[in-house]
């Protein structure tokens, strides 16, 4: 599985962005998908995840109520809709595909939130 993340950019505090992660391969629904982020000088942290069927989601406390993860199986793509962005959301955002045996990471997309 190859993952291509996109959609990052510069946004003012309070604004919105939608990140996309396109996956190659025909077994997209077999993988749970997640978004993680890494701010400068900090460790990578979990942001959100969605099950293979899309029926279950999970969020970090810091983004709950502001971010929404969803997937489009027809497009082999998972999205992270971010609203109410804060300067502390500034980070490189990575998507990850996970199965019981494997995990794959995308290359990351930079989100910068100005105050």
PDB file of N, CA and C in Angstrom:
ATOM      1  N   UNK A   1       0.845  -1.187   0.000  1.00  0.00           N
ATOM      2  CA  UNK A   1       0.000   0.000   0.000  1.00  0.00           C
ATOM      3  C   UNK A   1       0.882   1.238   0.000  1.00  0.00           C
ATOM      4  N   UNK A   2       0.613   2.136  -0.904  1.00  0.00           N
ATOM      5  CA  UNK A   2       1.310   3.427  -0.926  1.00  0.00           C
ATOM      6  C   UNK A   2       0.299   4.520  -0.598  1.00  0.00           C
ATOM      7  N   UNK A   3       0.733   5.449   0.235  1.00  0.00           N
ATOM      8  CA  UNK A   3      -0.149   6.504   0.704  1.00  0.00           C
ATOM      9  C   UNK A   3       0.389   7.860   0.270  1.00  0.00           C
ATOM     10  N   UNK A   4      -0.478   8.702  -0.234  1.00  0.00           N
ATOM     11  CA  UNK A   4      -0.101  10.040  -0.682  1.00  0.00           C
ATOM     12  C   UNK A   4      -0.975  11.050   0.036  1.00  0.00           C
ATOM     13  N   UNK A   5      -0.367  11.777   0.967  1.00  0.00           N
ATOM     14  CA  UNK A   5      -1.110  12.789   1.724  1.00  0.00           C
ATOM     15  C   UNK A   5      -1.001  14.140   1.038  1.00  0.00           C
ATOM     16  N   UNK A   6      -2.059  14.919   1.142  1.00  0.00           N
ATOM     17  CA  UNK A   6      -2.075  16.255   0.549  1.00  0.00           C
ATOM     18  C   UNK A   6      -3.084  17.126   1.283  1.00  0.00           C
ATOM     19  N   UNK A   7      -3.067  18.410   0.953  1.00  0.00           N
ATOM     20  CA  UNK A   7      -4.053  19.325   1.503  1.00  0.00           C
ATOM     21  C   UNK A   7      -3.547  20.272   2.566  1.00  0.00           C
ATOM     22  N   UNK A   8      -2.309  20.104   2.989  1.00  0.00           N
ATOM     23  CA  UNK A   8      -1.758  21.000   3.985  1.00  0.00           C
ATOM     24  C   UNK A   8      -1.558  22.400   3.434  1.00  0.00           C
ATOM     25  N   UNK A   9      -1.284  23.326   4.333  1.00  0.00           N
ATOM     26  CA  UNK A   9      -1.051  24.700   3.916  1.00  0.00           C
ATOM     27  C   UNK A   9      -1.046  25.628   5.097  1.00  0.00           C
ATOM     28  N   UNK A  10      -1.078  26.911   4.780  1.00  0.00           N
ATOM     29  CA  UNK A  10      -1.079  27.962   5.796  1.00  0.00           C
ATOM     30  C   UNK A  10      -2.507  28.477   5.961  1.00  0.00           C
ATOM     31  N   UNK A  11      -2.956  28.545   7.208  1.00  0.00           N
ATOM     32  CA  UNK A  11      -4.314  28.997   7.491  1.00  0.00           C
ATOM     33  C   UNK A  11      -4.296  29.821   8.764  1.00  0.00           C
ATOM     34  N   UNK A  12      -5.191  30.767   8.857  1.00  0.00           N
ATOM     35  CA  UNK A  12      -5.294  31.569  10.079  1.00  0.00           C
ATOM     36  C   UNK A  12      -6.042  30.802  11.163  1.00  0.00           C
ATOM     37  N   UNK A  13      -5.752  31.155  12.383  1.00  0.00           N
ATOM     38  CA  UNK A  13      -6.460  30.548  13.503  1.00  0.00           C
ATOM     39  C   UNK A  13      -7.965  30.706  13.320  1.00  0.00           C
ATOM     40  N   UNK A  14      -8.693  29.639  13.602  1.00  0.00           N
ATOM     41  CA  UNK A  14     -10.127  29.627  13.401  1.00  0.00           C
ATOM     42  C   UNK A  14     -10.557  29.114  12.048  1.00  0.00           C
ATOM     43  N   UNK A  15      -9.613  28.965  11.148  1.00  0.00           N
ATOM     44  CA  UNK A  15      -9.922  28.519   9.800  1.00  0.00           C
ATOM     45  C   UNK A  15     -10.056  27.013   9.687  1.00  0.00           C
ATOM     46  N   UNK A  16     -10.219  26.564   8.446  1.00  0.00           N
ATOM     47  CA  UNK A  16     -10.441  25.149   8.168  1.00  0.00           C
ATOM     48  C   UNK A  16      -9.519  24.659   7.054  1.00  0.00           C
ATOM     49  N   UNK A  17      -9.233  23.389   7.103  1.00  0.00           N
ATOM     50  CA  UNK A  17      -8.490  22.710   6.037  1.00  0.00           C
ATOM     51  C   UNK A  17      -9.003  21.277   5.953  1.00  0.00           C
ATOM     52  N   UNK A  18      -8.901  20.708   4.773  1.00  0.00           N
ATOM     53  CA  UNK A  18      -9.218  19.292   4.606  1.00  0.00           C
ATOM     54  C   UNK A  18      -7.981  18.581   4.077  1.00  0.00           C
ATOM     55  N   UNK A  19      -7.507  17.615   4.806  1.00  0.00           N
ATOM     56  CA  UNK A  19      -6.399  16.784   4.367  1.00  0.00           C
ATOM     57  C   UNK A  19      -6.942  15.539   3.678  1.00  0.00           C
ATOM     58  N   UNK A  20      -6.207  15.090   2.686  1.00  0.00           N
ATOM     59  CA  UNK A  20      -6.563  13.876   1.970  1.00  0.00           C
ATOM     60  C   UNK A  20      -5.397  12.905   2.002  1.00  0.00           C
ATOM     61  N   UNK A  21      -5.709  11.631   2.007  1.00  0.00           N
ATOM     62  CA  UNK A  21      -4.690  10.591   1.926  1.00  0.00           C
ATOM     63  C   UNK A  21      -5.202   9.532   0.962  1.00  0.00           C
ATOM     64  N   UNK A  22      -4.602   9.512  -0.219  1.00  0.00           N
ATOM     65  CA  UNK A  22      -4.999   8.565  -1.246  1.00  0.00           C
ATOM     66  C   UNK A  22      -4.154   7.311  -1.146  1.00  0.00           C
ATOM     67  N   UNK A  23      -4.804   6.163  -1.177  1.00  0.00           N
ATOM     68  CA  UNK A  23      -4.113   4.884  -1.047  1.00  0.00           C
ATOM     69  C   UNK A  23      -4.143   4.116  -2.356  1.00  0.00           C
ATOM     70  N   UNK A  24      -3.042   3.467  -2.654  1.00  0.00           N
ATOM     71  CA  UNK A  24      -3.001   2.596  -3.817  1.00  0.00           C
ATOM     72  C   UNK A  24      -3.504   1.216  -3.410  1.00  0.00           C
ATOM     73  N   UNK A  25      -3.764   0.373  -4.375  1.00  0.00           N
ATOM     74  CA  UNK A  25      -4.146  -0.988  -4.058  1.00  0.00           C
ATOM     75  C   UNK A  25      -5.651  -1.195  -4.009  1.00  0.00           C
ATOM     76  N   UNK A  26      -6.037  -2.463  -4.029  1.00  0.00           N
ATOM     77  CA  UNK A  26      -7.449  -2.797  -4.117  1.00  0.00           C
ATOM     78  C   UNK A  26      -8.006  -3.322  -2.806  1.00  0.00           C
ATOM     79  N   UNK A  27      -7.225  -3.213  -1.724  1.00  0.00           N
ATOM     80  CA  UNK A  27      -7.673  -3.738  -0.433  1.00  0.00           C
ATOM     81  C   UNK A  27      -7.840  -2.632   0.588  1.00  0.00           C
ATOM     82  N   UNK A  28      -8.212  -1.459   0.111  1.00  0.00           N
ATOM     83  CA  UNK A  28      -8.318  -0.280   0.978  1.00  0.00           C
ATOM     84  C   UNK A  28      -9.206  -0.543   2.174  1.00  0.00           C
ATOM     85  N   UNK A  29     -10.316  -1.217   1.962  1.00  0.00           N
ATOM     86  CA  UNK A  29     -11.268  -1.433   3.047  1.00  0.00           C
ATOM     87  C   UNK A  29     -10.745  -2.408   4.090  1.00  0.00           C
ATOM     88  N   UNK A  30      -9.645  -3.069   3.809  1.00  0.00           N
ATOM     89  CA  UNK A  30      -9.047  -3.996   4.765  1.00  0.00           C
ATOM     90  C   UNK A  30      -8.227  -3.284   5.841  1.00  0.00           C
ATOM     91  N   UNK A  31      -7.990  -2.005   5.607  1.00  0.00           N
ATOM     92  CA  UNK A  31      -7.101  -1.263   6.491  1.00  0.00           C
ATOM     93  C   UNK A  31      -7.857  -0.227   7.308  1.00  0.00           C
ATOM     94  N   UNK A  32      -7.563  -0.212   8.586  1.00  0.00           N
ATOM     95  CA  UNK A  32      -7.932   0.940   9.388  1.00  0.00           C
ATOM     96  C   UNK A  32      -7.002   2.071   8.997  1.00  0.00           C
ATOM     97  N   UNK A  33      -7.515   3.278   8.997  1.00  0.00           N
ATOM     98  CA  UNK A  33      -6.719   4.439   8.593  1.00  0.00           C
ATOM     99  C   UNK A  33      -6.628   5.420   9.752  1.00  0.00           C
ATOM    100  N   UNK A  34      -5.482   6.052   9.845  1.00  0.00           N
ATOM    101  CA  UNK A  34      -5.296   7.006  10.928  1.00  0.00           C
ATOM    102  C   UNK A  34      -4.522   8.224  10.478  1.00  0.00           C
ATOM    103  N   UNK A  35      -4.709   9.287  11.218  1.00  0.00           N
ATOM    104  CA  UNK A  35      -3.917  10.509  11.044  1.00  0.00           C
ATOM    105  C   UNK A  35      -3.113  10.741  12.325  1.00  0.00           C
ATOM    106  N   UNK A  36      -1.869  11.090  12.116  1.00  0.00           N
ATOM    107  CA  UNK A  36      -0.964  11.430  13.206  1.00  0.00           C
ATOM    108  C   UNK A  36      -0.318  12.760  12.854  1.00  0.00           C
ATOM    109  N   UNK A  37       0.275  13.412  13.840  1.00  0.00           N
ATOM    110  CA  UNK A  37       0.964  14.668  13.551  1.00  0.00           C
ATOM    111  C   UNK A  37       2.214  14.791  14.409  1.00  0.00           C
ATOM    112  N   UNK A  38       3.137  15.549  13.886  1.00  0.00           N
ATOM    113  CA  UNK A  38       4.384  15.782  14.610  1.00  0.00           C
ATOM    114  C   UNK A  38       4.738  17.256  14.516  1.00  0.00           C
ATOM    115  N   UNK A  39       4.700  17.923  15.650  1.00  0.00           N
ATOM    116  CA  UNK A  39       5.077  19.327  15.720  1.00  0.00           C
ATOM    117  C   UNK A  39       6.586  19.438  15.909  1.00  0.00           C
ATOM    118  N   UNK A  40       7.175  20.565  15.548  1.00  0.00           N
ATOM    119  CA  UNK A  40       8.615  20.733  15.713  1.00  0.00           C
ATOM    120  C   UNK A  40       9.064  20.472  17.143  1.00  0.00           C
ATOM    121  N   UNK A  41      10.064  19.616  17.295  1.00  0.00           N
ATOM    122  CA  UNK A  41      10.607  19.330  18.602  1.00  0.00           C
ATOM    123  C   UNK A  41       9.781  18.404  19.462  1.00  0.00           C
ATOM    124  N   UNK A  42       8.707  17.865  18.893  1.00  0.00           N
ATOM    125  CA  UNK A  42       7.829  16.979  19.661  1.00  0.00           C
ATOM    126  C   UNK A  42       7.723  15.619  19.001  1.00  0.00           C
ATOM    127  N   UNK A  43       7.231  14.669  19.762  1.00  0.00           N
ATOM    128  CA  UNK A  43       7.038  13.332  19.222  1.00  0.00           C
ATOM    129  C   UNK A  43       5.759  13.274  18.386  1.00  0.00           C
ATOM    130  N   UNK A  44       5.739  12.310  17.503  1.00  0.00           N
ATOM    131  CA  UNK A  44       4.541  12.101  16.708  1.00  0.00           C
ATOM    132  C   UNK A  44       3.394  11.656  17.610  1.00  0.00           C
ATOM    133  N   UNK A  45       2.211  12.210  17.361  1.00  0.00           N
ATOM    134  CA  UNK A  45       1.073  11.877  18.207  1.00  0.00           C
ATOM    135  C   UNK A  45      -0.144  11.506  17.380  1.00  0.00           C
ATOM    136  N   UNK A  46      -0.986  10.722  17.972  1.00  0.00           N
ATOM    137  CA  UNK A  46      -2.234  10.288  17.344  1.00  0.00           C
ATOM    138  C   UNK A  46      -3.206  11.456  17.254  1.00  0.00           C
ATOM    139  N   UNK A  47      -3.918  11.516  16.122  1.00  0.00           N
ATOM    140  CA  UNK A  47      -4.932  12.538  15.929  1.00  0.00           C
ATOM    141  C   UNK A  47      -6.321  11.912  15.795  1.00  0.00           C
ATOM    142  N   UNK A  48      -6.461  10.992  14.849  1.00  0.00           N
ATOM    143  CA  UNK A  48      -7.773  10.398  14.589  1.00  0.00           C
ATOM    144  C   UNK A  48      -7.583   9.092  13.844  1.00  0.00           C
ATOM    145  N   UNK A  49      -8.586   8.222  13.943  1.00  0.00           N
ATOM    146  CA  UNK A  49      -8.552   6.948  13.248  1.00  0.00           C
ATOM    147  C   UNK A  49      -9.960   6.543  12.846  1.00  0.00           C
ATOM    148  N   UNK A  50     -10.018   5.703  11.822  1.00  0.00           N
ATOM    149  CA  UNK A  50     -11.295   5.205  11.332  1.00  0.00           C
ATOM    150  C   UNK A  50     -11.123   3.745  10.938  1.00  0.00           C
ATOM    151  N   UNK A  51     -12.118   2.942  11.219  1.00  0.00           N
ATOM    152  CA  UNK A  51     -12.052   1.520  10.909  1.00  0.00           C
ATOM    153  C   UNK A  51     -12.163   1.281   9.402  1.00  0.00           C
ATOM    154  N   UNK A  52     -11.875   0.059   9.015  1.00  0.00           N
ATOM    155  CA  UNK A  52     -11.929  -0.286   7.604  1.00  0.00           C
ATOM    156  C   UNK A  52     -13.303  -0.070   6.983  1.00  0.00           C
ATOM    157  N   UNK A  53     -14.324  -0.352   7.752  1.00  0.00           N
ATOM    158  CA  UNK A  53     -15.694  -0.172   7.262  1.00  0.00           C
ATOM    159  C   UNK A  53     -16.149   1.278   7.344  1.00  0.00           C
ATOM    160  N   UNK A  54     -15.428   2.072   8.108  1.00  0.00           N
ATOM    161  CA  UNK A  54     -15.832   3.457   8.320  1.00  0.00           C
ATOM    162  C   UNK A  54     -16.835   3.625   9.446  1.00  0.00           C
ATOM    163  N   UNK A  55     -17.200   2.534  10.081  1.00  0.00           N
ATOM    164  CA  UNK A  55     -18.235   2.594  11.100  1.00  0.00           C
ATOM    165  C   UNK A  55     -17.773   3.049  12.467  1.00  0.00           C
ATOM    166  N   UNK A  56     -16.482   3.019  12.674  1.00  0.00           N
ATOM    167  CA  UNK A  56     -15.942   3.403  13.977  1.00  0.00           C
ATOM    168  C   UNK A  56     -14.841   4.441  13.810  1.00  0.00           C
ATOM    169  N   UNK A  57     -14.891   5.445  14.648  1.00  0.00           N
ATOM    170  CA  UNK A  57     -13.870   6.486  14.623  1.00  0.00           C
ATOM    171  C   UNK A  57     -13.365   6.745  16.036  1.00  0.00           C
ATOM    172  N   UNK A  58     -12.198   7.332  16.112  1.00  0.00           N
ATOM    173  CA  UNK A  58     -11.611   7.699  17.397  1.00  0.00           C
ATOM    174  C   UNK A  58     -10.818   8.982  17.198  1.00  0.00           C
ATOM    175  N   UNK A  59     -10.767   9.796  18.236  1.00  0.00           N
ATOM    176  CA  UNK A  59     -10.095  11.089  18.147  1.00  0.00           C
ATOM    177  C   UNK A  59      -9.259  11.348  19.396  1.00  0.00           C
ATOM    178  N   UNK A  60      -8.193  12.062  19.198  1.00  0.00           N
ATOM    179  CA  UNK A  60      -7.453  12.580  20.343  1.00  0.00           C
ATOM    180  C   UNK A  60      -8.312  13.626  21.037  1.00  0.00           C
ATOM    181  N   UNK A  61      -8.158  13.733  22.329  1.00  0.00           N
ATOM    182  CA  UNK A  61      -8.964  14.681  23.101  1.00  0.00           C
ATOM    183  C   UNK A  61      -8.780  16.110  22.590  1.00  0.00           C
ATOM    184  N   UNK A  62      -7.567  16.403  22.152  1.00  0.00           N
ATOM    185  CA  UNK A  62      -7.250  17.772  21.748  1.00  0.00           C
ATOM    186  C   UNK A  62      -7.957  18.215  20.472  1.00  0.00           C
ATOM    187  N   UNK A  63      -8.455  17.268  19.690  1.00  0.00           N
ATOM    188  CA  UNK A  63      -9.086  17.636  18.420  1.00  0.00           C
ATOM    189  C   UNK A  63     -10.559  17.253  18.361  1.00  0.00           C
ATOM    190  N   UNK A  64     -11.036  16.545  19.357  1.00  0.00           N
ATOM    191  CA  UNK A  64     -12.418  16.077  19.342  1.00  0.00           C
ATOM    192  C   UNK A  64     -13.376  17.262  19.276  1.00  0.00           C
ATOM    193  N   UNK A  65     -14.326  17.150  18.370  1.00  0.00           N
ATOM    194  CA  UNK A  65     -15.277  18.232  18.175  1.00  0.00           C
ATOM    195  C   UNK A  65     -14.846  19.253  17.149  1.00  0.00           C
ATOM    196  N   UNK A  66     -13.578  19.226  16.757  1.00  0.00           N
ATOM    197  CA  UNK A  66     -13.068  20.164  15.745  1.00  0.00           C
ATOM    198  C   UNK A  66     -12.669  19.437  14.465  1.00  0.00           C
ATOM    199  N   UNK A  67     -12.184  18.211  14.584  1.00  0.00           N
ATOM    200  CA  UNK A  67     -11.718  17.446  13.433  1.00  0.00           C
ATOM    201  C   UNK A  67     -12.679  16.290  13.176  1.00  0.00           C
ATOM    202  N   UNK A  68     -12.808  15.930  11.902  1.00  0.00           N
ATOM    203  CA  UNK A  68     -13.629  14.783  11.517  1.00  0.00           C
ATOM    204  C   UNK A  68     -12.848  13.930  10.522  1.00  0.00           C
ATOM    205  N   UNK A  69     -12.779  12.646  10.791  1.00  0.00           N
ATOM    206  CA  UNK A  69     -12.139  11.717   9.870  1.00  0.00           C
ATOM    207  C   UNK A  69     -13.223  10.933   9.150  1.00  0.00           C
ATOM    208  N   UNK A  70     -13.058  10.767   7.852  1.00  0.00           N
ATOM    209  CA  UNK A  70     -13.992   9.957   7.084  1.00  0.00           C
ATOM    210  C   UNK A  70     -13.264   9.391   5.871  1.00  0.00           C
ATOM    211  N   UNK A  71     -13.870   8.388   5.272  1.00  0.00           N
ATOM    212  CA  UNK A  71     -13.211   7.720   4.149  1.00  0.00           C
ATOM    213  C   UNK A  71     -14.194   7.512   3.014  1.00  0.00           C
ATOM    214  N   UNK A  72     -13.647   7.489   1.818  1.00  0.00           N
ATOM    215  CA  UNK A  72     -14.411   7.235   0.602  1.00  0.00           C
ATOM    216  C   UNK A  72     -13.787   6.016  -0.060  1.00  0.00           C
ATOM    217  N   UNK A  73     -14.416   4.880   0.079  1.00  0.00           N
ATOM    218  CA  UNK A  73     -13.843   3.646  -0.455  1.00  0.00           C
ATOM    219  C   UNK A  73     -13.787   3.648  -1.975  1.00  0.00           C
ATOM    220  N   UNK A  74     -14.711   4.325  -2.608  1.00  0.00           N
ATOM    221  CA  UNK A  74     -14.709   4.395  -4.072  1.00  0.00           C
ATOM    222  C   UNK A  74     -13.473   5.120  -4.582  1.00  0.00           C
ATOM    223  N   UNK A  75     -12.949   6.046  -3.777  1.00  0.00           N
ATOM    224  CA  UNK A  75     -11.773   6.811  -4.175  1.00  0.00           C
ATOM    225  C   UNK A  75     -10.512   6.349  -3.447  1.00  0.00           C
ATOM    226  N   UNK A  76     -10.632   5.316  -2.620  1.00  0.00           N
ATOM    227  CA  UNK A  76      -9.477   4.833  -1.836  1.00  0.00           C
ATOM    228  C   UNK A  76      -8.806   5.985  -1.085  1.00  0.00           C
ATOM    229  N   UNK A  77      -9.613   6.813  -0.483  1.00  0.00           N
ATOM    230  CA  UNK A  77      -9.081   8.018   0.149  1.00  0.00           C
ATOM    231  C   UNK A  77      -9.692   8.199   1.537  1.00  0.00           C
ATOM    232  N   UNK A  78      -8.853   8.624   2.452  1.00  0.00           N
ATOM    233  CA  UNK A  78      -9.312   9.010   3.782  1.00  0.00           C
ATOM    234  C   UNK A  78      -9.056  10.504   3.939  1.00  0.00           C
ATOM    235  N   UNK A  79      -9.957  11.149   4.624  1.00  0.00           N
ATOM    236  CA  UNK A  79      -9.897  12.602   4.780  1.00  0.00           C
ATOM    237  C   UNK A  79      -9.839  12.984   6.251  1.00  0.00           C
ATOM    238  N   UNK A  80      -9.275  14.131   6.497  1.00  0.00           N
ATOM    239  CA  UNK A  80      -9.332  14.732   7.824  1.00  0.00           C
ATOM    240  C   UNK A  80      -9.819  16.166   7.641  1.00  0.00           C
ATOM    241  N   UNK A  81     -11.061  16.392   8.009  1.00  0.00           N
ATOM    242  CA  UNK A  81     -11.629  17.736   7.953  1.00  0.00           C
ATOM    243  C   UNK A  81     -11.315  18.441   9.260  1.00  0.00           C
ATOM    244  N   UNK A  82     -10.589  19.538   9.155  1.00  0.00           N
ATOM    245  CA  UNK A  82     -10.148  20.257  10.348  1.00  0.00           C
ATOM    246  C   UNK A  82     -10.790  21.629  10.367  1.00  0.00           C
ATOM    247  N   UNK A  83     -11.424  21.951  11.451  1.00  0.00           N
ATOM    248  CA  UNK A  83     -12.015  23.272  11.611  1.00  0.00           C
ATOM    249  C   UNK A  83     -11.635  23.832  12.983  1.00  0.00           C
ATOM    250  N   UNK A  84     -11.877  25.101  13.160  1.00  0.00           N
ATOM    251  CA  UNK A  84     -11.494  25.722  14.424  1.00  0.00           C
ATOM    252  C   UNK A  84     -10.024  25.564  14.723  1.00  0.00           C
ATOM    253  N   UNK A  85      -9.205  25.687  13.677  1.00  0.00           N
ATOM    254  CA  UNK A  85      -7.778  25.421  13.839  1.00  0.00           C
ATOM    255  C   UNK A  85      -7.121  26.403  14.797  1.00  0.00           C
ATOM    256  N   UNK A  86      -6.164  25.887  15.529  1.00  0.00           N
ATOM    257  CA  UNK A  86      -5.423  26.653  16.527  1.00  0.00           C
ATOM    258  C   UNK A  86      -3.934  26.612  16.180  1.00  0.00           C
ATOM    259  N   UNK A  87      -3.174  27.598  16.633  1.00  0.00           N
ATOM    260  CA  UNK A  87      -1.734  27.562  16.367  1.00  0.00           C
ATOM    261  C   UNK A  87      -1.078  26.267  16.849  1.00  0.00           C
ATOM    262  N   UNK A  88      -1.589  25.689  17.918  1.00  0.00           N
ATOM    263  CA  UNK A  88      -1.003  24.442  18.418  1.00  0.00           C
ATOM    264  C   UNK A  88      -1.308  23.234  17.539  1.00  0.00           C
ATOM    265  N   UNK A  89      -2.139  23.419  16.535  1.00  0.00           N
ATOM    266  CA  UNK A  89      -2.371  22.354  15.549  1.00  0.00           C
ATOM    267  C   UNK A  89      -1.281  22.332  14.470  1.00  0.00           C
ATOM    268  N   UNK A  90      -0.400  23.301  14.489  1.00  0.00           N
ATOM    269  CA  UNK A  90       0.692  23.353  13.521  1.00  0.00           C
ATOM    270  C   UNK A  90       1.579  22.123  13.661  1.00  0.00           C
ATOM    271  N   UNK A  91       1.736  21.412  12.547  1.00  0.00           N
ATOM    272  CA  UNK A  91       2.508  20.166  12.565  1.00  0.00           C
ATOM    273  C   UNK A  91       2.567  19.597  11.154  1.00  0.00           C
ATOM    274  N   UNK A  92       3.401  18.604  10.995  1.00  0.00           N
ATOM    275  CA  UNK A  92       3.343  17.765   9.798  1.00  0.00           C
ATOM    276  C   UNK A  92       2.368  16.640  10.105  1.00  0.00           C
ATOM    277  N   UNK A  93       1.399  16.474   9.239  1.00  0.00           N
ATOM    278  CA  UNK A  93       0.357  15.474   9.426  1.00  0.00           C
ATOM    279  C   UNK A  93       0.643  14.271   8.531  1.00  0.00           C
ATOM    280  N   UNK A  94       0.581  13.100   9.132  1.00  0.00           N
ATOM    281  CA  UNK A  94       0.855  11.844   8.437  1.00  0.00           C
ATOM    282  C   UNK A  94      -0.372  10.951   8.469  1.00  0.00           C
ATOM    283  N   UNK A  95      -0.596  10.227   7.390  1.00  0.00           N
ATOM    284  CA  UNK A  95      -1.634   9.209   7.417  1.00  0.00           C
ATOM    285  C   UNK A  95      -0.978   7.840   7.522  1.00  0.00           C
ATOM    286  N   UNK A  96      -1.721   6.919   8.093  1.00  0.00           N
ATOM    287  CA  UNK A  96      -1.229   5.566   8.290  1.00  0.00           C
ATOM    288  C   UNK A  96      -2.327   4.578   7.978  1.00  0.00           C
ATOM    289  N   UNK A  97      -1.932   3.495   7.328  1.00  0.00           N
ATOM    290  CA  UNK A  97      -2.835   2.383   7.058  1.00  0.00           C
ATOM    291  C   UNK A  97      -2.383   1.204   7.901  1.00  0.00           C
ATOM    292  N   UNK A  98      -3.322   0.575   8.593  1.00  0.00           N
ATOM    293  CA  UNK A  98      -2.978  -0.520   9.498  1.00  0.00           C
ATOM    294  C   UNK A  98      -3.867  -1.722   9.255  1.00  0.00           C
ATOM    295  N   UNK A  99      -3.218  -2.899   9.233  1.00  0.00           N
ATOM    296  CA  UNK A  99      -3.977  -4.141   9.256  1.00  0.00           C
ATOM    297  C   UNK A  99      -3.437  -4.950  10.415  1.00  0.00           C
ATOM    298  N   UNK A 100      -3.888  -6.176  10.552  1.00  0.00           N
ATOM    299  CA  UNK A 100      -3.407  -7.013  11.648  1.00  0.00           C
ATOM    300  C   UNK A 100      -1.928  -7.353  11.488  1.00  0.00           C
ATOM    301  N   UNK A 101      -1.438  -7.271  10.247  1.00  0.00           N
ATOM    302  CA  UNK A 101      -0.065  -7.700   9.993  1.00  0.00           C
ATOM    303  C   UNK A 101       0.860  -6.581   9.541  1.00  0.00           C
ATOM    304  N   UNK A 102       0.309  -5.519   8.991  1.00  0.00           N
ATOM    305  CA  UNK A 102       1.148  -4.500   8.367  1.00  0.00           C
ATOM    306  C   UNK A 102       0.697  -3.095   8.759  1.00  0.00           C
ATOM    307  N   UNK A 103       1.610  -2.162   8.586  1.00  0.00           N
ATOM    308  CA  UNK A 103       1.265  -0.762   8.660  1.00  0.00           C
ATOM    309  C   UNK A 103       2.119   0.003   7.658  1.00  0.00           C
ATOM    310  N   UNK A 104       1.520   1.047   7.096  1.00  0.00           N
ATOM    311  CA  UNK A 104       2.173   1.861   6.081  1.00  0.00           C
ATOM    312  C   UNK A 104       1.940   3.323   6.418  1.00  0.00           C
ATOM    313  N   UNK A 105       2.971   4.123   6.137  1.00  0.00           N
ATOM    314  CA  UNK A 105       2.893   5.558   6.414  1.00  0.00           C
ATOM    315  C   UNK A 105       2.989   6.354   5.122  1.00  0.00           C
ATOM    316  N   UNK A 106       2.251   7.451   5.070  1.00  0.00           N
ATOM    317  CA  UNK A 106       2.400   8.411   4.000  1.00  0.00           C
ATOM    318  C   UNK A 106       3.544   9.354   4.305  1.00  0.00           C
ATOM    319  N   UNK A 107       3.801  10.272   3.371  1.00  0.00           N
ATOM    320  CA  UNK A 107       4.978  11.117   3.479  1.00  0.00           C
ATOM    321  C   UNK A 107       4.772  12.371   4.320  1.00  0.00           C
ATOM    322  N   UNK A 108       3.566  12.711   4.677  1.00  0.00           N
ATOM    323  CA  UNK A 108       3.319  13.871   5.514  1.00  0.00           C
ATOM    324  C   UNK A 108       2.972  15.111   4.713  1.00  0.00           C
ATOM    325  N   UNK A 109       2.138  15.937   5.306  1.00  0.00           N
ATOM    326  CA  UNK A 109       1.776  17.218   4.716  1.00  0.00           C
ATOM    327  C   UNK A 109       1.760  18.262   5.833  1.00  0.00           C
ATOM    328  N   UNK A 110       2.353  19.427   5.550  1.00  0.00           N
ATOM    329  CA  UNK A 110       2.556  20.439   6.589  1.00  0.00           C
ATOM    330  C   UNK A 110       1.332  21.330   6.733  1.00  0.00           C
ATOM    331  N   UNK A 111       0.876  21.469   7.957  1.00  0.00           N
ATOM    332  CA  UNK A 111      -0.202  22.392   8.298  1.00  0.00           C
ATOM    333  C   UNK A 111       0.375  23.462   9.224  1.00  0.00           C
ATOM    334  N   UNK A 112       0.219  24.700   8.824  1.00  0.00           N
ATOM    335  CA  UNK A 112       0.699  25.816   9.631  1.00  0.00           C
ATOM    336  C   UNK A 112      -0.486  26.721   9.955  1.00  0.00           C
ATOM    337  N   UNK A 113      -0.712  26.942  11.231  1.00  0.00           N
ATOM    338  CA  UNK A 113      -1.818  27.782  11.672  1.00  0.00           C
ATOM    339  C   UNK A 113      -1.237  29.039  12.302  1.00  0.00           C
ATOM    340  N   UNK A 114      -1.539  30.173  11.702  1.00  0.00           N
ATOM    341  CA  UNK A 114      -1.017  31.443  12.219  1.00  0.00           C
ATOM    342  C   UNK A 114      -2.008  32.063  13.195  1.00  0.00           C
ATOM    343  N   UNK A 115      -1.460  32.755  14.177  1.00  0.00           N
ATOM    344  CA  UNK A 115      -2.319  33.391  15.200  1.00  0.00           C
ATOM    345  C   UNK A 115      -2.740  34.782  14.792  1.00  0.00           C
TER     346      UNK A 115
END
